[in-house]
C-alpha atoms as a PDB file:
ATOM      1  CA  UNK A   1       7.550  -5.940  10.818  1.00  0.00           C
ATOM      2  CA  UNK A   2       7.154  -5.052  14.513  1.00  0.00           C
ATOM      3  CA  UNK A   3       8.309  -1.906  16.287  1.00  0.00           C
ATOM      4  CA  UNK A   4      10.590  -3.488  18.880  1.00  0.00           C
ATOM      5  CA  UNK A   5      12.614  -0.548  20.045  1.00  0.00           C
ATOM      6  CA  UNK A   6      12.252   3.119  20.826  1.00  0.00           C
ATOM      7  CA  UNK A   7      14.063   4.098  17.630  1.00  0.00           C
ATOM      8  CA  UNK A   8      11.702   1.967  15.574  1.00  0.00           C
ATOM      9  CA  UNK A   9       8.746   3.525  17.352  1.00  0.00           C
ATOM     10  CA  UNK A  10      10.019   7.055  16.757  1.00  0.00           C
ATOM     11  CA  UNK A  11      10.785   6.517  13.070  1.00  0.00           C
ATOM     12  CA  UNK A  12       8.399   3.700  12.280  1.00  0.00           C
ATOM     13  CA  UNK A  13       5.277   5.789  12.809  1.00  0.00           C
ATOM     14  CA  UNK A  14       6.368   8.506  10.320  1.00  0.00           C
ATOM     15  CA  UNK A  15       7.282   5.748   7.852  1.00  0.00           C
ATOM     16  CA  UNK A  16       3.806   4.241   8.274  1.00  0.00           C
ATOM     17  CA  UNK A  17       2.131   7.615   7.822  1.00  0.00           C
ATOM     18  CA  UNK A  18       4.075   8.282   4.626  1.00  0.00           C
ATOM     19  CA  UNK A  19       3.276   4.839   3.200  1.00  0.00           C
ATOM     20  CA  UNK A  20      -0.451   5.069   3.975  1.00  0.00           C
ATOM     21  CA  UNK A  21      -0.815   8.683   2.862  1.00  0.00           C
ATOM     22  CA  UNK A  22       0.872   8.268  -0.508  1.00  0.00           C
ATOM     23  CA  UNK A  23      -1.046   5.016  -1.078  1.00  0.00           C
ATOM     24  CA  UNK A  24      -4.445   6.659  -0.687  1.00  0.00           C
ATOM     25  CA  UNK A  25      -3.397   9.822  -2.503  1.00  0.00           C
ATOM     26  CA  UNK A  26      -2.420   7.676  -5.492  1.00  0.00           C
ATOM     27  CA  UNK A  27      -5.879   6.068  -5.570  1.00  0.00           C
ATOM     28  CA  UNK A  28      -7.598   9.432  -5.519  1.00  0.00           C
ATOM     29  CA  UNK A  29      -5.241  10.974  -8.074  1.00  0.00           C
ATOM     30  CA  UNK A  30      -5.691   8.110 -10.531  1.00  0.00           C
ATOM     31  CA  UNK A  31      -9.480   8.314 -10.181  1.00  0.00           C
ATOM     32  CA  UNK A  32      -9.279  12.066 -10.768  1.00  0.00           C
ATOM     33  CA  UNK A  33      -7.140  11.539 -13.882  1.00  0.00           C
ATOM     34  CA  UNK A  34      -9.795   9.131 -15.171  1.00  0.00           C
ATOM     35  CA  UNK A  35     -12.501  11.762 -14.653  1.00  0.00           C
ATOM     36  CA  UNK A  36     -13.827  11.100 -11.130  1.00  0.00           C
ATOM     37  CA  UNK A  37     -13.789  14.231  -8.898  1.00  0.00           C
ATOM     38  CA  UNK A  38     -15.079  12.418  -5.784  1.00  0.00           C
ATOM     39  CA  UNK A  39     -11.751  12.216  -3.955  1.00  0.00           C
ATOM     40  CA  UNK A  40     -10.966  15.850  -4.721  1.00  0.00           C
ATOM     41  CA  UNK A  41     -14.400  16.965  -3.555  1.00  0.00           C
ATOM     42  CA  UNK A  42     -13.973  15.044  -0.282  1.00  0.00           C
ATOM     43  CA  UNK A  43     -10.550  16.553   0.404  1.00  0.00           C
ATOM     44  CA  UNK A  44      -8.651  13.331  -0.213  1.00  0.00           C
ATOM     45  CA  UNK A  45      -6.304  14.657  -2.905  1.00  0.00           C
ATOM     46  CA  UNK A  46      -3.873  15.725  -0.205  1.00  0.00           C
ATOM     47  CA  UNK A  47      -0.697  14.472   1.413  1.00  0.00           C
ATOM     48  CA  UNK A  48      -2.028  15.384   4.857  1.00  0.00           C
ATOM     49  CA  UNK A  49      -2.029  12.043   6.761  1.00  0.00           C
ATOM     50  CA  UNK A  50      -5.023  13.065   8.885  1.00  0.00           C
ATOM     51  CA  UNK A  51      -7.236  12.911   5.791  1.00  0.00           C
ATOM     52  CA  UNK A  52      -6.387   9.252   5.171  1.00  0.00           C
ATOM     53  CA  UNK A  53      -5.873   7.434   8.471  1.00  0.00           C
ATOM     54  CA  UNK A  54      -8.050   4.517   9.559  1.00  0.00           C
ATOM     55  CA  UNK A  55      -7.618   3.773  13.280  1.00  0.00           C
ATOM     56  CA  UNK A  56      -7.824  -0.037  13.041  1.00  0.00           C
ATOM     57  CA  UNK A  57      -5.766  -0.293   9.873  1.00  0.00           C
ATOM     58  CA  UNK A  58      -2.996   1.900  11.260  1.00  0.00           C
ATOM     59  CA  UNK A  59      -2.932   0.009  14.574  1.00  0.00           C
ATOM     60  CA  UNK A  60      -2.676  -3.333  12.767  1.00  0.00           C
ATOM     61  CA  UNK A  61       0.171  -2.047  10.622  1.00  0.00           C
ATOM     62  CA  UNK A  62       2.064  -1.049  13.771  1.00  0.00           C
ATOM     63  CA  UNK A  63       1.469  -4.218  15.818  1.00  0.00           C
ATOM     64  CA  UNK A  64       0.913  -6.910  13.178  1.00  0.00           C
ATOM     65  CA  UNK A  65       2.926  -5.690  10.212  1.00  0.00           C
ATOM     66  CA  UNK A  66       0.041  -5.172   7.782  1.00  0.00           C
ATOM     67  CA  UNK A  67      -2.858  -2.760   7.655  1.00  0.00           C
ATOM     68  CA  UNK A  68      -4.694  -0.155   5.651  1.00  0.00           C
ATOM     69  CA  UNK A  69      -5.827   3.474   5.513  1.00  0.00           C
ATOM     70  CA  UNK A  70      -9.319   4.920   5.143  1.00  0.00           C
ATOM     71  CA  UNK A  71     -10.424   3.909   1.632  1.00  0.00           C
ATOM     72  CA  UNK A  72     -10.806   6.649  -0.946  1.00  0.00           C
ATOM     73  CA  UNK A  73     -14.354   6.713  -2.295  1.00  0.00           C
ATOM     74  CA  UNK A  74     -14.527   6.181  -6.051  1.00  0.00           C
ATOM     75  CA  UNK A  75     -17.440   6.690  -8.457  1.00  0.00           C
ATOM     76  CA  UNK A  76     -16.571   4.733 -11.627  1.00  0.00           C
ATOM     77  CA  UNK A  77     -19.540   6.219 -13.500  1.00  0.00           C
ATOM     78  CA  UNK A  78     -17.401   9.329 -13.966  1.00  0.00           C
ATOM     79  CA  UNK A  79     -14.641   7.362 -15.714  1.00  0.00           C
ATOM     80  CA  UNK A  80     -13.938   8.258 -19.314  1.00  0.00           C
ATOM     81  CA  UNK A  81     -13.108   4.624 -20.098  1.00  0.00           C
ATOM     82  CA  UNK A  82     -14.354   1.119 -19.340  1.00  0.00           C
ATOM     83  CA  UNK A  83     -15.361   1.117 -15.669  1.00  0.00           C
ATOM     84  CA  UNK A  84     -13.819  -2.250 -14.789  1.00  0.00           C
ATOM     85  CA  UNK A  85     -10.504  -1.277 -16.349  1.00  0.00           C
ATOM     86  CA  UNK A  86     -10.674   2.084 -14.636  1.00  0.00           C
ATOM     87  CA  UNK A  87     -11.200   0.467 -11.245  1.00  0.00           C
ATOM     88  CA  UNK A  88      -8.270  -1.837 -11.973  1.00  0.00           C
ATOM     89  CA  UNK A  89      -6.024   1.168 -12.644  1.00  0.00           C
ATOM     90  CA  UNK A  90      -7.241   2.903  -9.498  1.00  0.00           C
ATOM     91  CA  UNK A  91      -6.603  -0.289  -7.516  1.00  0.00           C
ATOM     92  CA  UNK A  92      -3.085  -0.644  -8.919  1.00  0.00           C
ATOM     93  CA  UNK A  93      -2.173   2.985  -8.264  1.00  0.00           C
ATOM     94  CA  UNK A  94      -1.828   2.594  -4.486  1.00  0.00           C
ATOM     95  CA  UNK A  95       0.458  -0.475  -4.415  1.00  0.00           C
ATOM     96  CA  UNK A  96       2.512   0.857  -7.330  1.00  0.00           C
ATOM     97  CA  UNK A  97       3.034   4.122  -5.443  1.00  0.00           C
ATOM     98  CA  UNK A  98       4.233   2.141  -2.410  1.00  0.00           C
ATOM     99  CA  UNK A  99       6.678   0.143  -4.526  1.00  0.00           C
ATOM    100  CA  UNK A 100       8.041   3.360  -6.063  1.00  0.00           C
ATOM    101  CA  UNK A 101       8.493   4.869  -2.596  1.00  0.00           C
ATOM    102  CA  UNK A 102      10.195   1.682  -1.392  1.00  0.00           C
ATOM    103  CA  UNK A 103      12.583   1.783  -4.342  1.00  0.00           C
ATOM    104  CA  UNK A 104      13.436   5.460  -3.840  1.00  0.00           C
ATOM    105  CA  UNK A 105      14.011   4.905  -0.117  1.00  0.00           C
ATOM    106  CA  UNK A 106      16.242   1.922  -0.942  1.00  0.00           C
ATOM    107  CA  UNK A 107      18.259   4.034  -3.386  1.00  0.00           C
ATOM    108  CA  UNK A 108      18.705   6.693  -0.700  1.00  0.00           C
ATOM    109  CA  UNK A 109      19.728   3.971   1.742  1.00  0.00           C
ATOM    110  CA  UNK A 110      22.408   2.747  -0.679  1.00  0.00           C
ATOM    111  CA  UNK A 111      23.716   6.278  -1.085  1.00  0.00           C
ATOM    112  CA  UNK A 112      23.990   6.972   2.639  1.00  0.00           C
ATOM    113  CA  UNK A 113      25.534   3.591   3.387  1.00  0.00           C
ATOM    114  CA  UNK A 114      28.033   3.869   0.560  1.00  0.00           C
ATOM    115  CA  UNK A 115      29.065   7.372   1.595  1.00  0.00           C
ATOM    116  CA  UNK A 116      28.946   6.376   5.278  1.00  0.00           C
ATOM    117  CA  UNK A 117      26.769   9.349   6.162  1.00  0.00           C
ATOM    118  CA  UNK A 118      23.349   9.843   7.684  1.00  0.00           C
ATOM    119  CA  UNK A 119      23.834   8.126  10.994  1.00  0.00           C
ATOM    120  CA  UNK A 120      21.829   5.428  12.778  1.00  0.00           C
ATOM    121  CA  UNK A 121      18.570   7.351  12.937  1.00  0.00           C
ATOM    122  CA  UNK A 122      18.318   8.110   9.239  1.00  0.00           C
ATOM    123  CA  UNK A 123      19.322   4.574   8.285  1.00  0.00           C
ATOM    124  CA  UNK A 124      16.658   3.190  10.637  1.00  0.00           C
ATOM    125  CA  UNK A 125      14.012   5.473   9.134  1.00  0.00           C
ATOM    126  CA  UNK A 126      14.902   4.537   5.545  1.00  0.00           C
ATOM    127  CA  UNK A 127      14.914   0.825   6.385  1.00  0.00           C
ATOM    128  CA  UNK A 128      11.446   1.140   7.905  1.00  0.00           C
ATOM    129  CA  UNK A 129      10.228   3.245   4.982  1.00  0.00           C
ATOM    130  CA  UNK A 130      11.310   0.527   2.558  1.00  0.00           C
ATOM    131  CA  UNK A 131       9.787  -2.226   4.671  1.00  0.00           C
ATOM    132  CA  UNK A 132       6.413  -0.672   5.367  1.00  0.00           C
ATOM    133  CA  UNK A 133       5.881   0.355   1.769  1.00  0.00           C
ATOM    134  CA  UNK A 134       6.595  -3.177   0.577  1.00  0.00           C
ATOM    135  CA  UNK A 135       4.303  -4.676   3.231  1.00  0.00           C
ATOM    136  CA  UNK A 136       1.502  -2.278   2.325  1.00  0.00           C
ATOM    137  CA  UNK A 137       1.854  -3.005  -1.392  1.00  0.00           C
ATOM    138  CA  UNK A 138       1.885  -6.783  -0.982  1.00  0.00           C
ATOM    139  CA  UNK A 139      -0.973  -6.817   1.526  1.00  0.00           C
ATOM    140  CA  UNK A 140      -3.210  -4.630  -0.622  1.00  0.00           C
ATOM    141  CA  UNK A 141      -2.663  -6.801  -3.692  1.00  0.00           C
ATOM    142  CA  UNK A 142      -4.343  -9.758  -1.981  1.00  0.00           C
ATOM    143  CA  UNK A 143      -7.479 -10.324  -4.132  1.00  0.00           C
ATOM    144  CA  UNK A 144     -10.035 -10.095  -1.318  1.00  0.00           C
ATOM    145  CA  UNK A 145     -12.460  -7.140  -1.127  1.00  0.00           C
ATOM    146  CA  UNK A 146     -12.008  -4.399  -0.085  1.00  0.00           C
ATOM    147  CA  UNK A 147      -8.293  -4.713  -0.849  1.00  0.00           C
ATOM    148  CA  UNK A 148      -6.885  -3.360  -4.104  1.00  0.00           C
ATOM    149  CA  UNK A 149      -6.094  -6.819  -5.402  1.00  0.00           C
ATOM    150  CA  UNK A 150      -9.799  -7.532  -5.785  1.00  0.00           C
ATOM    151  CA  UNK A 151     -10.145  -4.539  -8.135  1.00  0.00           C
ATOM    152  CA  UNK A 152      -7.136  -5.670 -10.121  1.00  0.00           C
ATOM    153  CA  UNK A 153      -8.459  -9.229 -10.408  1.00  0.00           C
ATOM    154  CA  UNK A 154     -11.927  -7.990 -11.367  1.00  0.00           C
ATOM    155  CA  UNK A 155     -10.342  -5.986 -14.181  1.00  0.00           C
ATOM    156  CA  UNK A 156      -8.617  -8.947 -15.820  1.00  0.00           C
ATOM    157  CA  UNK A 157     -11.159 -11.765 -15.488  1.00  0.00           C
ATOM    158  CA  UNK A 158     -14.468 -12.137 -17.382  1.00  0.00           C
ATOM    159  CA  UNK A 159     -17.372  -9.926 -16.261  1.00  0.00           C
ATOM    160  CA  UNK A 160     -19.145 -12.857 -14.588  1.00  0.00           C
ATOM    161  CA  UNK A 161     -16.176 -13.459 -12.315  1.00  0.00           C
ATOM    162  CA  UNK A 162     -15.827  -9.754 -11.625  1.00  0.00           C
ATOM    163  CA  UNK A 163     -19.478  -9.627 -10.557  1.00  0.00           C
ATOM    164  CA  UNK A 164     -18.817 -12.420  -8.058  1.00  0.00           C
ATOM    165  CA  UNK A 165     -15.911 -10.447  -6.593  1.00  0.00           C
ATOM    166  CA  UNK A 166     -18.057  -7.338  -6.242  1.00  0.00           C
ATOM    167  CA  UNK A 167     -20.708  -9.398  -4.440  1.00  0.00           C
ATOM    168  CA  UNK A 168     -18.078 -10.300  -1.850  1.00  0.00           C
ATOM    169  CA  UNK A 169     -17.716  -6.641  -0.824  1.00  0.00           C
ATOM    170  CA  UNK A 170     -20.308  -6.886   1.959  1.00  0.00           C
ATOM    171  CA  UNK A 171     -18.474  -9.632   3.846  1.00  0.00           C
ATOM    172  CA  UNK A 172     -14.947  -9.371   2.442  1.00  0.00           C
ATOM    173  CA  UNK A 173     -13.698  -7.427   5.473  1.00  0.00           C
ATOM    174  CA  UNK A 174     -14.910 -10.194   7.795  1.00  0.00           C
ATOM    175  CA  UNK A 175     -13.107 -12.817   5.708  1.00  0.00           C
ATOM    176  CA  UNK A 176      -9.982 -10.695   5.758  1.00  0.00           C
ATOM    177  CA  UNK A 177     -10.048 -10.219   9.534  1.00  0.00           C
ATOM    178  CA  UNK A 178     -10.559 -13.971  10.047  1.00  0.00           C
ATOM    179  CA  UNK A 179      -7.575 -14.724   7.818  1.00  0.00           C
ATOM    180  CA  UNK A 180      -5.493 -12.208   9.780  1.00  0.00           C
ATOM    181  CA  UNK A 181      -6.601 -13.618  13.147  1.00  0.00           C
ATOM    182  CA  UNK A 182      -5.782 -17.199  12.119  1.00  0.00           C
ATOM    183  CA  UNK A 183      -2.346 -16.229  10.838  1.00  0.00           C
ATOM    184  CA  UNK A 184      -3.076 -17.338   7.282  1.00  0.00           C
ATOM    185  CA  UNK A 185      -2.436 -13.873   5.846  1.00  0.00           C
ATOM    186  CA  UNK A 186       0.897 -13.699   7.640  1.00  0.00           C
ATOM    187  CA  UNK A 187       2.003 -17.055   6.248  1.00  0.00           C
ATOM    188  CA  UNK A 188       1.015 -16.015   2.739  1.00  0.00           C
ATOM    189  CA  UNK A 189       2.617 -12.597   2.961  1.00  0.00           C
ATOM    190  CA  UNK A 190       5.916 -13.598   4.572  1.00  0.00           C
ATOM    191  CA  UNK A 191       7.574 -15.156   1.509  1.00  0.00           C
ATOM    192  CA  UNK A 192       6.071 -12.566  -0.853  1.00  0.00           C
ATOM    193  CA  UNK A 193       7.301  -9.625   1.213  1.00  0.00           C
ATOM    194  CA  UNK A 194      10.774 -11.174   1.402  1.00  0.00           C
ATOM    195  CA  UNK A 195      10.814 -11.709  -2.368  1.00  0.00           C
ATOM    196  CA  UNK A 196       9.727  -8.150  -3.166  1.00  0.00           C
ATOM    197  CA  UNK A 197      12.143  -6.676  -0.612  1.00  0.00           C
ATOM    198  CA  UNK A 198      15.035  -8.600  -2.139  1.00  0.00           C
ATOM    199  CA  UNK A 199      14.056  -7.491  -5.652  1.00  0.00           C
ATOM    200  CA  UNK A 200      13.821  -3.833  -4.624  1.00  0.00           C
ATOM    201  CA  UNK A 201      17.087  -3.900  -2.707  1.00  0.00           C
ATOM    202  CA  UNK A 202      18.826  -5.570  -5.648  1.00  0.00           C
ATOM    203  CA  UNK A 203      17.310  -3.133  -8.157  1.00  0.00           C
ATOM    204  CA  UNK A 204      18.224  -0.104  -6.068  1.00  0.00           C
ATOM    205  CA  UNK A 205      21.809  -1.279  -5.876  1.00  0.00           C
ATOM    206  CA  UNK A 206      22.111  -1.568  -9.677  1.00  0.00           C
ATOM    207  CA  UNK A 207      22.258   2.220  -9.943  1.00  0.00           C
ATOM    208  CA  UNK A 208      25.638   2.166  -8.222  1.00  0.00           C
ATOM    209  CA  UNK A 209      27.319  -0.641 -10.154  1.00  0.00           C
END
């Protein structure tokens, strides 16, 4: 999703900031619930966007349609449960938060459109808020470290496979950037983003039937 007009630039950036901020907050909050105080101690349990922004990830989200925020540091040795399962829950928390935000924004969009209120600017903002949250959720569920999908995958496969995923951490970012540069990520994400968007839009409309 590219920012092709002034209105998209004006309202797209706040939509991006909301999506990224709530995503990282959800990671930190889930880790805190599981017993890890690291995010709280580092000031990451906040909805202040400045605490979460990553310059490259934010720029890519604006110009390429997918990106990331500054990862929340997690110490699974604090978890009061199995560490692999805990990391899986922490990994899921961010994308799930984005999907919830996308759904709520879509419900609001239905309300304003049905009542014919809100005007062009609000409708543009809500559309972008839905879109960016879906993009962020889908992108982060790709099972390549350091994305959340790798934590989720590591939590559901045997320990030997999980260990192999963790070993990829040191060069996972390079693999990811190569896949982005070659357009492979875009081709994978396109159909998935469309599918999730359609599901969320359909689900949000059910409340008004």
